Amino acid sequence: MDVVLHYMFSLILLLSLLLNPCYCLLHRKLFNVSKIENEDQWQTAAATWYGAPDGGGTDGGACGYVDSVDKPPLSKMVSAGGHSLFLDGEGCGACYEVKCTENGACSGKAVTVMISDECPGCALKSVQFDMSGTAFGSMASPGKADELRKAGQLNNIQVACSFGNSIAFRIDGGANPYYFATEIEYENGDGDLVDIELKQGHKSDTWLPMKRSWGARWALQSSSGSELQPPFSIKLIEACKGTNKTLVADNVIPLNWQPDQVYRSVVNF
């Protein structure tokens, strides 16, 4: 990560096992925030911010989201995560609701951030966020964003990714007829993606396993030396606490797919 500004402060992190029916540690999208009423359910952690004060932290980062972090629905509301959040790439796309409670600059209103990058130097505590300047400042009262960036405390809870009913497949710029790679964005659910499979054409019944190349990117290389045959259907398998959920986006990648394009499904977890 390109660090332009980097400030440290305390944050409060919710790790609610009581309200979380699927309590994978600090994973995503768990429950309605309106149910969180007991302040004893919040824990302390560490947080920093980096990049320009009104920036998105970095251009895509280790999750491979490229410039989508600057565009809706993310709109720079992203964060890098230490090891317990990034999870070697499995934490990419996880969403957390954060709010300030113990600093005069805090608005007290919660905002949602998504993990889009890795913070390998985050070792202040077992849980650490390294937020974009935009996300950090958005928790402040009007006119107090700079004050908040210098010091403060942050409450953090796990909530559902709220990007609507569409999963986005961002095709890698190096993809070609023999090699298909895609980043998976805006995935809802209560666990982590553990397996992605691809089915070719309209008639095939064979699902081919894709491999996580890095971050949120999954790839498939033709093993026969022949071109892969679109349209592609994508099967996503999400796991948490021993339970798997499966979702299929039928023919989501069209016949005339192109690198560097985004294709959206009409389904989500």
Protein backbone atom coordinates (compact mmCIF):
# COMPACT_ATOMS: atom_id res chain seq x y z
CA MET A 1 0.00 0.00 0.00
CA ASP A 2 1.17 3.46 -0.86
CA VAL A 3 1.10 5.32 2.41
CA VAL A 4 0.68 9.08 2.15
CA LEU A 5 -0.79 9.80 5.57
CA HIS A 6 -1.01 7.27 8.33
CA TYR A 7 -2.51 7.95 11.75
CA MET A 8 -3.21 5.54 14.56
CA PHE A 9 -6.06 5.59 16.97
CA SER A 10 -8.12 3.25 19.13
CA LEU A 11 -11.25 1.63 17.93
CA ILE A 12 -13.90 -0.49 19.51
CA LEU A 13 -14.71 -3.69 17.74
CA LEU A 14 -17.81 -5.79 18.13
CA LEU A 15 -17.27 -9.51 18.30
CA SER A 16 -20.77 -10.67 19.19
CA LEU A 17 -21.06 -14.40 19.55
CA LEU A 18 -24.49 -14.14 21.12
CA LEU A 19 -26.17 -12.39 18.20
CA ASN A 20 -24.07 -14.01 15.52
CA PRO A 21 -25.62 -17.32 14.46
CA CYS A 22 -22.54 -18.10 12.37
CA TYR A 23 -19.66 -16.74 14.39
CA CYS A 24 -16.72 -17.09 12.06
CA LEU A 25 -14.26 -14.69 13.69
CA LEU A 26 -14.67 -11.19 12.31
CA HIS A 27 -16.26 -12.36 9.10
CA ARG A 28 -18.95 -10.55 7.26
CA LYS A 29 -22.62 -9.83 6.99
CA LEU A 30 -24.15 -11.21 10.10
CA PHE A 31 -27.14 -9.42 11.54
CA ASN A 32 -29.35 -6.37 11.67
CA VAL A 33 -27.56 -3.53 13.40
CA SER A 34 -30.80 -2.48 15.06
CA LYS A 35 -30.47 -5.53 17.29
CA ILE A 36 -27.17 -4.35 18.75
CA GLU A 37 -28.08 -2.55 21.93
CA ASN A 38 -25.71 -3.83 24.61
CA GLU A 39 -22.51 -1.78 24.78
CA ASP A 40 -20.78 -4.65 26.61
CA GLN A 41 -20.68 -6.51 23.28
CA TRP A 42 -17.98 -4.19 21.89
CA GLN A 43 -14.26 -4.89 22.17
CA THR A 44 -11.23 -2.68 21.72
CA ALA A 45 -8.98 -3.02 18.70
CA ALA A 46 -6.61 -0.78 16.78
CA ALA A 47 -7.13 1.26 13.63
CA THR A 48 -5.19 3.51 11.27
CA TRP A 49 -5.94 5.37 8.07
CA TYR A 50 -3.84 5.92 4.99
CA GLY A 51 -3.79 7.68 1.67
CA ALA A 52 -5.21 11.10 0.86
CA PRO A 53 -7.70 12.54 3.37
CA ASP A 54 -10.49 12.33 0.79
CA GLY A 55 -9.10 9.31 -1.06
CA GLY A 56 -9.85 5.61 -1.35
CA GLY A 57 -6.67 4.48 0.40
CA THR A 58 -5.19 2.75 -2.61
CA ASP A 59 -6.08 1.83 -6.18
CA GLY A 60 -7.68 -1.56 -5.69
CA GLY A 61 -5.13 -2.99 -3.28
CA ALA A 62 -4.40 -6.64 -2.61
CA CYS A 63 -7.98 -7.72 -3.31
CA GLY A 64 -7.73 -6.65 -6.95
CA TYR A 65 -10.74 -4.36 -7.02
CA VAL A 66 -8.76 -1.81 -9.06
CA ASP A 67 -10.64 1.49 -9.54
CA SER A 68 -13.99 0.09 -8.42
CA VAL A 69 -13.12 1.21 -4.88
CA ASP A 70 -13.58 4.80 -6.06
CA LYS A 71 -16.94 4.20 -7.75
CA PRO A 72 -20.44 3.40 -6.42
CA PRO A 73 -21.43 1.43 -4.49
CA LEU A 74 -18.07 1.48 -2.67
CA SER A 75 -17.35 5.20 -3.20
CA LYS A 76 -14.00 4.99 -1.35
CA MET A 77 -15.65 3.50 1.75
CA VAL A 78 -13.02 0.79 2.07
CA SER A 79 -10.37 -0.43 4.46
CA ALA A 80 -7.26 -2.55 4.46
CA GLY A 81 -7.20 -5.25 7.08
CA GLY A 82 -4.59 -6.86 9.24
CA HIS A 83 -4.15 -10.63 9.12
CA SER A 84 -7.30 -11.43 11.13
CA LEU A 85 -9.39 -9.38 8.68
CA PHE A 86 -7.63 -10.00 5.36
CA LEU A 87 -7.26 -13.75 6.00
CA ASP A 88 -4.89 -14.33 3.07
CA GLY A 89 -7.49 -12.93 0.69
CA GLU A 90 -10.54 -14.76 2.04
CA GLY A 91 -11.55 -11.59 3.87
CA CYS A 92 -11.81 -9.56 0.67
CA GLY A 93 -15.31 -8.14 0.30
CA ALA A 94 -16.18 -8.49 3.98
CA CYS A 95 -18.21 -5.57 5.28
CA TYR A 96 -18.14 -4.00 8.74
CA GLU A 97 -20.19 -1.20 10.19
CA VAL A 98 -18.11 1.32 12.12
CA LYS A 99 -18.94 4.35 14.22
CA CYS A 100 -17.22 6.73 16.62
CA THR A 101 -18.30 6.94 20.24
CA GLU A 102 -15.57 8.48 22.37
CA ASN A 103 -14.22 11.48 20.52
CA GLY A 104 -15.69 14.96 20.27
CA ALA A 105 -15.40 14.87 16.48
CA CYS A 106 -17.53 11.73 16.18
CA SER A 107 -21.02 11.95 14.75
CA GLY A 108 -22.10 8.72 16.42
CA LYS A 109 -23.59 7.52 13.16
CA ALA A 110 -22.49 4.17 11.76
CA VAL A 111 -21.01 3.77 8.28
CA THR A 112 -20.16 0.62 6.36
CA VAL A 113 -16.67 -0.19 5.05
CA MET A 114 -15.50 -3.10 2.94
CA ILE A 115 -12.15 -4.88 3.14
CA SER A 116 -10.34 -4.18 -0.14
CA ASP A 117 -6.67 -4.39 0.76
CA GLU A 118 -4.11 -6.03 3.03
CA CYS A 119 -2.23 -4.27 5.80
CA PRO A 120 0.83 -6.51 6.40
CA GLY A 121 2.23 -4.06 8.93
CA CYS A 122 -0.92 -3.97 11.02
CA ALA A 123 0.26 -5.54 14.26
CA LEU A 124 -0.95 -3.10 16.90
CA LYS A 125 -3.54 -5.61 18.10
CA SER A 126 -5.01 -8.89 16.91
CA VAL A 127 -7.64 -6.91 14.97
CA GLN A 128 -6.66 -3.78 13.06
CA PHE A 129 -8.27 -1.73 10.31
CA ASP A 130 -6.34 0.61 8.02
CA MET A 131 -9.13 2.71 6.57
CA SER A 132 -9.25 5.06 3.62
CA GLY A 133 -9.22 8.73 4.49
CA THR A 134 -12.73 9.05 3.11
CA ALA A 135 -14.12 6.24 5.26
CA PHE A 136 -12.39 7.51 8.37
CA GLY A 137 -13.62 11.07 7.89
CA SER A 138 -17.18 9.98 7.14
CA MET A 139 -17.67 9.06 10.80
CA ALA A 140 -17.11 12.65 11.90
CA SER A 141 -19.59 15.41 12.53
CA PRO A 142 -19.74 18.02 9.74
CA GLY A 143 -16.51 19.98 9.57
CA LYS A 144 -14.62 17.71 11.98
CA ALA A 145 -13.23 15.05 9.65
CA ASP A 146 -9.62 16.24 9.98
CA GLU A 147 -9.92 16.35 13.76
CA LEU A 148 -11.21 12.79 13.81
CA ARG A 149 -8.40 11.53 11.60
CA LYS A 150 -5.84 12.67 14.14
CA ALA A 151 -7.28 10.81 17.12
CA GLY A 152 -10.41 9.06 18.30
CA GLN A 153 -12.12 5.81 19.05
CA LEU A 154 -14.19 3.73 16.70
CA ASN A 155 -16.92 1.18 17.37
CA ASN A 156 -17.07 -1.66 14.89
CA ILE A 157 -19.67 -4.31 14.30
CA GLN A 158 -20.16 -6.94 11.63
CA VAL A 159 -23.12 -6.45 9.33
CA ALA A 160 -24.44 -7.58 5.98
CA CYS A 161 -22.84 -6.34 2.81
CA SER A 162 -25.60 -4.10 1.47
CA PHE A 163 -24.83 -3.79 -2.23
CA GLY A 164 -28.20 -5.08 -3.44
CA ASN A 165 -29.08 -8.32 -5.18
CA SER A 166 -26.30 -8.35 -7.76
CA ILE A 167 -22.91 -10.06 -7.63
CA ALA A 168 -20.39 -8.40 -9.94
CA PHE A 169 -17.76 -10.34 -11.89
CA ARG A 170 -14.89 -8.05 -12.92
CA ILE A 171 -12.90 -9.77 -15.68
CA ASP A 172 -9.13 -9.58 -15.34
CA GLY A 173 -7.26 -7.61 -17.99
CA GLY A 174 -5.09 -10.63 -18.79
CA ALA A 175 -8.00 -12.99 -19.46
CA ASN A 176 -8.15 -14.59 -22.89
CA PRO A 177 -9.91 -17.50 -24.66
CA TYR A 178 -7.61 -19.99 -22.88
CA TYR A 179 -7.40 -18.31 -19.48
CA PHE A 180 -10.33 -16.86 -17.57
CA ALA A 181 -9.92 -14.84 -14.38
CA THR A 182 -12.39 -12.71 -12.47
CA GLU A 183 -12.69 -10.73 -9.25
CA ILE A 184 -15.92 -11.31 -7.36
CA GLU A 185 -17.47 -8.21 -5.84
CA TYR A 186 -20.45 -7.34 -3.63
CA GLU A 187 -21.12 -10.85 -2.42
CA ASN A 188 -23.64 -11.13 0.44
CA GLY A 189 -23.91 -13.99 2.91
CA ASP A 190 -22.75 -15.07 6.33
CA GLY A 191 -19.47 -16.81 5.57
CA ASP A 192 -16.50 -16.85 3.20
CA LEU A 193 -16.19 -17.98 -0.40
CA VAL A 194 -14.28 -21.26 -0.30
CA ASP A 195 -14.86 -22.62 -3.78
CA ILE A 196 -15.71 -21.24 -7.23
CA GLU A 197 -16.57 -23.41 -10.20
CA LEU A 198 -17.19 -22.63 -13.87
CA LYS A 199 -19.42 -24.36 -16.40
CA GLN A 200 -18.91 -23.81 -20.13
CA GLY A 201 -21.55 -23.33 -22.80
CA HIS A 202 -25.26 -24.10 -22.80
CA LYS A 203 -25.05 -27.89 -22.99
CA SER A 204 -22.24 -28.89 -20.64
CA ASP A 205 -23.03 -30.34 -17.23
CA THR A 206 -19.40 -30.30 -16.06
CA TRP A 207 -18.28 -27.86 -13.38
CA LEU A 208 -14.59 -27.00 -13.49
CA PRO A 209 -12.90 -25.85 -10.26
CA MET A 210 -11.35 -22.39 -10.35
CA LYS A 211 -8.35 -21.49 -8.21
CA ARG A 212 -7.96 -18.43 -6.05
CA SER A 213 -4.98 -16.66 -7.57
CA TRP A 214 -4.88 -13.81 -5.04
CA GLY A 215 -7.28 -11.65 -3.10
CA ALA A 216 -10.76 -11.80 -4.59
CA ARG A 217 -9.47 -13.12 -7.93
CA TRP A 218 -10.30 -16.63 -9.14
CA ALA A 219 -8.87 -18.15 -12.32
CA LEU A 220 -9.24 -21.12 -14.67
CA GLN A 221 -6.67 -22.22 -17.27
CA SER A 222 -7.79 -24.47 -20.12
CA SER A 223 -6.29 -27.91 -19.44
CA SER A 224 -6.96 -29.32 -22.91
CA GLY A 225 -5.24 -26.60 -24.91
CA SER A 226 -8.57 -25.70 -26.49
CA GLU A 227 -10.41 -22.42 -26.06
CA LEU A 228 -12.84 -22.15 -23.18
CA GLN A 229 -16.41 -22.11 -24.50
CA PRO A 230 -18.68 -19.28 -23.31
CA PRO A 231 -21.19 -18.40 -22.04
CA PHE A 232 -19.92 -19.23 -18.57
CA SER A 233 -22.01 -20.06 -15.54
CA ILE A 234 -20.36 -19.46 -12.18
CA LYS A 235 -21.04 -21.49 -9.04
CA LEU A 236 -20.11 -19.90 -5.72
CA ILE A 237 -19.76 -21.93 -2.52
CA GLU A 238 -19.73 -20.14 0.80
CA ALA A 239 -18.78 -21.83 4.08
CA CYS A 240 -19.16 -20.93 7.72
CA LYS A 241 -19.04 -23.16 10.80
CA GLY A 242 -19.16 -26.34 8.76
CA THR A 243 -22.18 -25.38 6.65
CA ASN A 244 -21.96 -24.70 2.92
CA LYS A 245 -24.26 -22.53 0.82
CA THR A 246 -24.24 -22.76 -2.97
CA LEU A 247 -25.31 -20.15 -5.48
CA VAL A 248 -25.27 -20.41 -9.28
CA ALA A 249 -25.14 -17.42 -11.62
CA ASP A 250 -26.33 -19.00 -14.87
CA ASN A 251 -24.67 -17.77 -18.07
CA VAL A 252 -23.51 -14.63 -16.28
CA ILE A 253 -20.46 -14.30 -18.56
CA PRO A 254 -21.77 -13.85 -22.13
CA LEU A 255 -20.56 -15.27 -25.43
CA ASN A 256 -18.79 -12.07 -26.39
CA TRP A 257 -17.15 -11.39 -23.01
CA GLN A 258 -14.17 -9.05 -22.93
CA PRO A 259 -11.28 -8.45 -20.49
CA ASP A 260 -11.61 -5.45 -18.17
CA GLN A 261 -15.40 -5.59 -18.28
CA VAL A 262 -17.88 -6.08 -15.43
CA TYR A 263 -20.78 -8.52 -15.73
CA ARG A 264 -23.51 -8.63 -13.08
CA SER A 265 -25.70 -11.49 -11.96
CA VAL A 266 -29.34 -11.26 -10.91
CA VAL A 267 -28.73 -13.42 -7.82
CA ASN A 268 -26.91 -13.12 -4.53
CA PHE A 269 -26.65 -15.02 -1.25
